[in-house]
């Protein structure tokens, strides 16, 4: 291959999302999606916070519902409301395309385990591609949305 010839099989160039923006997007999603789910679970479905806290099933179902909504949004639009607010998208590392529903759900489950250890959440601070452990496990990137 000549020097001036372009390699057509190169990976797409990305602008990786900042770690602080990812945290802000996560907090936004907690308020916009997860908090209403918890409120409805505790005060509409159950008889208040005491019943919700006493239940082992209610928090699990609330988290599962959040995970399903998260996976649906990521697979359909590549972003959640928080990621949209901070102009980010979740894409496949190789192709740059949106990921499927089951892979997005697996990413959410991997995030739950990663956040339990905290180690995987600080990984983006030390990597050029800003991947957290759950991104490494499912081969995704969080990139700045091109306008």
C-alpha atoms as a PDB file:
ATOM      1  CA  UNK A   1       0.000   0.000   0.000  1.00  0.00           C
ATOM      2  CA  UNK A   2       1.354   3.426  -0.919  1.00  0.00           C
ATOM      3  CA  UNK A   3       1.863   6.120   1.683  1.00  0.00           C
ATOM      4  CA  UNK A   4      -0.673   8.511   0.205  1.00  0.00           C
ATOM      5  CA  UNK A   5      -3.348   5.820  -0.156  1.00  0.00           C
ATOM      6  CA  UNK A   6      -5.922   5.741   2.641  1.00  0.00           C
ATOM      7  CA  UNK A   7      -6.651   2.521   4.512  1.00  0.00           C
ATOM      8  CA  UNK A   8     -10.411   2.005   4.202  1.00  0.00           C
ATOM      9  CA  UNK A   9     -10.548  -0.560   7.016  1.00  0.00           C
ATOM     10  CA  UNK A  10      -9.481   1.916   9.717  1.00  0.00           C
ATOM     11  CA  UNK A  11     -11.591   2.369  12.814  1.00  0.00           C
ATOM     12  CA  UNK A  12     -13.736   5.502  12.874  1.00  0.00           C
ATOM     13  CA  UNK A  13     -12.224   8.411  14.788  1.00  0.00           C
ATOM     14  CA  UNK A  14     -14.029   9.261  18.028  1.00  0.00           C
ATOM     15  CA  UNK A  15     -14.045  12.051  20.528  1.00  0.00           C
ATOM     16  CA  UNK A  16     -14.289  10.247  23.846  1.00  0.00           C
ATOM     17  CA  UNK A  17     -16.719  11.610  26.413  1.00  0.00           C
ATOM     18  CA  UNK A  18     -15.175  13.226  29.482  1.00  0.00           C
ATOM     19  CA  UNK A  19     -15.413  11.304  32.732  1.00  0.00           C
ATOM     20  CA  UNK A  20     -17.065  14.259  34.497  1.00  0.00           C
ATOM     21  CA  UNK A  21     -19.710  14.473  31.769  1.00  0.00           C
ATOM     22  CA  UNK A  22     -20.416  10.757  32.160  1.00  0.00           C
ATOM     23  CA  UNK A  23     -20.932  11.217  35.903  1.00  0.00           C
ATOM     24  CA  UNK A  24     -23.248  14.203  35.331  1.00  0.00           C
ATOM     25  CA  UNK A  25     -25.251  12.189  32.787  1.00  0.00           C
ATOM     26  CA  UNK A  26     -25.545   9.310  35.259  1.00  0.00           C
ATOM     27  CA  UNK A  27     -26.832  11.627  37.992  1.00  0.00           C
ATOM     28  CA  UNK A  28     -29.316  13.172  35.538  1.00  0.00           C
ATOM     29  CA  UNK A  29     -30.605   9.692  34.642  1.00  0.00           C
ATOM     30  CA  UNK A  30     -30.983   8.831  38.315  1.00  0.00           C
ATOM     31  CA  UNK A  31     -33.246  11.846  38.813  1.00  0.00           C
ATOM     32  CA  UNK A  32     -35.159  11.568  35.552  1.00  0.00           C
ATOM     33  CA  UNK A  33     -35.689   7.794  35.351  1.00  0.00           C
ATOM     34  CA  UNK A  34     -34.788   5.934  38.540  1.00  0.00           C
ATOM     35  CA  UNK A  35     -36.213   8.347  41.141  1.00  0.00           C
ATOM     36  CA  UNK A  36     -39.718   8.315  39.581  1.00  0.00           C
ATOM     37  CA  UNK A  37     -39.601   4.496  39.436  1.00  0.00           C
ATOM     38  CA  UNK A  38     -38.704   4.368  43.133  1.00  0.00           C
ATOM     39  CA  UNK A  39     -41.390   6.915  44.017  1.00  0.00           C
ATOM     40  CA  UNK A  40     -44.107   5.028  42.133  1.00  0.00           C
ATOM     41  CA  UNK A  41     -42.958   1.728  43.643  1.00  0.00           C
ATOM     42  CA  UNK A  42     -42.915   3.059  47.190  1.00  0.00           C
ATOM     43  CA  UNK A  43     -45.930   5.382  47.268  1.00  0.00           C
ATOM     44  CA  UNK A  44     -48.294   4.226  44.522  1.00  0.00           C
ATOM     45  CA  UNK A  45     -47.813   0.464  44.418  1.00  0.00           C
ATOM     46  CA  UNK A  46     -46.810  -0.054  48.044  1.00  0.00           C
ATOM     47  CA  UNK A  47     -47.975   1.697  51.221  1.00  0.00           C
ATOM     48  CA  UNK A  48     -44.958   3.964  51.664  1.00  0.00           C
ATOM     49  CA  UNK A  49     -41.244   3.931  52.281  1.00  0.00           C
ATOM     50  CA  UNK A  50     -41.392   1.615  55.273  1.00  0.00           C
ATOM     51  CA  UNK A  51     -43.085  -1.141  53.235  1.00  0.00           C
ATOM     52  CA  UNK A  52     -40.683  -0.500  50.367  1.00  0.00           C
ATOM     53  CA  UNK A  53     -37.660  -0.784  52.662  1.00  0.00           C
ATOM     54  CA  UNK A  54     -39.012  -3.900  54.324  1.00  0.00           C
ATOM     55  CA  UNK A  55     -39.505  -5.599  50.974  1.00  0.00           C
ATOM     56  CA  UNK A  56     -36.686  -7.484  49.286  1.00  0.00           C
ATOM     57  CA  UNK A  57     -38.511  -7.725  45.995  1.00  0.00           C
ATOM     58  CA  UNK A  58     -39.502  -4.060  45.477  1.00  0.00           C
ATOM     59  CA  UNK A  59     -35.955  -2.622  45.170  1.00  0.00           C
ATOM     60  CA  UNK A  60     -34.948  -5.513  42.916  1.00  0.00           C
ATOM     61  CA  UNK A  61     -37.943  -5.001  40.617  1.00  0.00           C
ATOM     62  CA  UNK A  62     -37.374  -1.229  40.566  1.00  0.00           C
ATOM     63  CA  UNK A  63     -33.746  -1.700  39.554  1.00  0.00           C
ATOM     64  CA  UNK A  64     -34.751  -4.295  36.957  1.00  0.00           C
ATOM     65  CA  UNK A  65     -37.309  -1.893  35.466  1.00  0.00           C
ATOM     66  CA  UNK A  66     -34.688   0.861  35.333  1.00  0.00           C
ATOM     67  CA  UNK A  67     -32.297  -1.571  33.615  1.00  0.00           C
ATOM     68  CA  UNK A  68     -34.908  -2.469  30.999  1.00  0.00           C
ATOM     69  CA  UNK A  69     -35.671   1.191  30.289  1.00  0.00           C
ATOM     70  CA  UNK A  70     -31.942   1.979  30.150  1.00  0.00           C
ATOM     71  CA  UNK A  71     -31.271  -0.900  27.718  1.00  0.00           C
ATOM     72  CA  UNK A  72     -34.214   0.106  25.526  1.00  0.00           C
ATOM     73  CA  UNK A  73     -33.026   3.722  25.296  1.00  0.00           C
ATOM     74  CA  UNK A  74     -29.386   2.780  24.634  1.00  0.00           C
ATOM     75  CA  UNK A  75     -30.288   0.230  21.969  1.00  0.00           C
ATOM     76  CA  UNK A  76     -32.864   2.430  20.239  1.00  0.00           C
ATOM     77  CA  UNK A  77     -31.256   5.899  20.451  1.00  0.00           C
ATOM     78  CA  UNK A  78     -27.710   5.245  21.666  1.00  0.00           C
ATOM     79  CA  UNK A  79     -28.333   7.471  24.660  1.00  0.00           C
ATOM     80  CA  UNK A  80     -30.388   8.091  27.769  1.00  0.00           C
ATOM     81  CA  UNK A  81     -31.818  11.519  28.699  1.00  0.00           C
ATOM     82  CA  UNK A  82     -28.689  12.242  30.746  1.00  0.00           C
ATOM     83  CA  UNK A  83     -26.360  11.287  27.907  1.00  0.00           C
ATOM     84  CA  UNK A  84     -28.457  13.369  25.508  1.00  0.00           C
ATOM     85  CA  UNK A  85     -28.187  16.372  27.819  1.00  0.00           C
ATOM     86  CA  UNK A  86     -24.394  16.076  27.762  1.00  0.00           C
ATOM     87  CA  UNK A  87     -24.260  15.181  24.037  1.00  0.00           C
ATOM     88  CA  UNK A  88     -22.939  11.619  24.401  1.00  0.00           C
ATOM     89  CA  UNK A  89     -23.749   8.301  22.780  1.00  0.00           C
ATOM     90  CA  UNK A  90     -22.928   4.672  23.550  1.00  0.00           C
ATOM     91  CA  UNK A  91     -21.589   2.882  20.482  1.00  0.00           C
ATOM     92  CA  UNK A  92     -19.884  -0.367  19.550  1.00  0.00           C
ATOM     93  CA  UNK A  93     -16.087  -0.039  19.779  1.00  0.00           C
ATOM     94  CA  UNK A  94     -15.451  -1.615  16.379  1.00  0.00           C
ATOM     95  CA  UNK A  95     -18.272  -0.429  14.149  1.00  0.00           C
ATOM     96  CA  UNK A  96     -19.424   2.805  15.770  1.00  0.00           C
ATOM     97  CA  UNK A  97     -23.046   1.627  15.513  1.00  0.00           C
ATOM     98  CA  UNK A  98     -25.618   1.451  18.294  1.00  0.00           C
ATOM     99  CA  UNK A  99     -25.588  -1.732  20.308  1.00  0.00           C
ATOM    100  CA  UNK A 100     -28.503  -4.142  20.545  1.00  0.00           C
ATOM    101  CA  UNK A 101     -30.974  -4.460  23.412  1.00  0.00           C
ATOM    102  CA  UNK A 102     -29.445  -7.548  25.030  1.00  0.00           C
ATOM    103  CA  UNK A 103     -25.948  -6.112  24.832  1.00  0.00           C
ATOM    104  CA  UNK A 104     -27.202  -2.857  26.375  1.00  0.00           C
ATOM    105  CA  UNK A 105     -28.866  -4.892  29.141  1.00  0.00           C
ATOM    106  CA  UNK A 106     -25.618  -6.795  29.682  1.00  0.00           C
ATOM    107  CA  UNK A 107     -23.804  -3.439  29.861  1.00  0.00           C
ATOM    108  CA  UNK A 108     -26.214  -2.319  32.588  1.00  0.00           C
ATOM    109  CA  UNK A 109     -25.711  -5.532  34.576  1.00  0.00           C
ATOM    110  CA  UNK A 110     -21.934  -5.187  34.164  1.00  0.00           C
ATOM    111  CA  UNK A 111     -22.246  -1.583  35.395  1.00  0.00           C
ATOM    112  CA  UNK A 112     -23.999  -2.784  38.562  1.00  0.00           C
ATOM    113  CA  UNK A 113     -21.112  -5.137  39.326  1.00  0.00           C
ATOM    114  CA  UNK A 114     -18.499  -2.566  38.304  1.00  0.00           C
ATOM    115  CA  UNK A 115     -19.998   0.105  40.539  1.00  0.00           C
ATOM    116  CA  UNK A 116     -20.052  -2.316  43.465  1.00  0.00           C
ATOM    117  CA  UNK A 117     -16.266  -2.577  43.269  1.00  0.00           C
ATOM    118  CA  UNK A 118     -15.597   1.102  42.453  1.00  0.00           C
ATOM    119  CA  UNK A 119     -12.339   0.022  40.780  1.00  0.00           C
ATOM    120  CA  UNK A 120     -13.914  -0.306  37.355  1.00  0.00           C
ATOM    121  CA  UNK A 121     -15.517   3.130  37.627  1.00  0.00           C
ATOM    122  CA  UNK A 122     -12.155   4.865  38.030  1.00  0.00           C
ATOM    123  CA  UNK A 123     -10.608   3.028  35.094  1.00  0.00           C
ATOM    124  CA  UNK A 124     -11.579   5.798  32.600  1.00  0.00           C
ATOM    125  CA  UNK A 125      -9.246   8.163  34.441  1.00  0.00           C
ATOM    126  CA  UNK A 126      -6.284   6.033  33.362  1.00  0.00           C
ATOM    127  CA  UNK A 127      -7.247   5.060  29.806  1.00  0.00           C
ATOM    128  CA  UNK A 128      -6.952   7.112  26.612  1.00  0.00           C
ATOM    129  CA  UNK A 129     -10.252   5.749  25.300  1.00  0.00           C
ATOM    130  CA  UNK A 130     -12.008   6.536  28.625  1.00  0.00           C
ATOM    131  CA  UNK A 131     -13.499   3.026  28.890  1.00  0.00           C
ATOM    132  CA  UNK A 132     -14.859   1.872  32.234  1.00  0.00           C
ATOM    133  CA  UNK A 133     -14.774  -1.815  33.138  1.00  0.00           C
ATOM    134  CA  UNK A 134     -18.339  -2.385  31.924  1.00  0.00           C
ATOM    135  CA  UNK A 135     -17.385  -0.805  28.576  1.00  0.00           C
ATOM    136  CA  UNK A 136     -14.431  -3.172  28.293  1.00  0.00           C
ATOM    137  CA  UNK A 137     -16.603  -6.184  29.096  1.00  0.00           C
ATOM    138  CA  UNK A 138     -19.194  -5.471  26.389  1.00  0.00           C
ATOM    139  CA  UNK A 139     -16.854  -3.663  23.953  1.00  0.00           C
ATOM    140  CA  UNK A 140     -18.561  -0.266  23.890  1.00  0.00           C
ATOM    141  CA  UNK A 141     -17.464   3.358  23.907  1.00  0.00           C
ATOM    142  CA  UNK A 142     -19.104   6.496  25.242  1.00  0.00           C
ATOM    143  CA  UNK A 143     -18.385   9.175  22.669  1.00  0.00           C
ATOM    144  CA  UNK A 144     -19.291  12.796  22.099  1.00  0.00           C
ATOM    145  CA  UNK A 145     -22.252  13.052  19.729  1.00  0.00           C
ATOM    146  CA  UNK A 146     -21.380  14.543  16.341  1.00  0.00           C
ATOM    147  CA  UNK A 147     -23.727  17.303  15.260  1.00  0.00           C
END
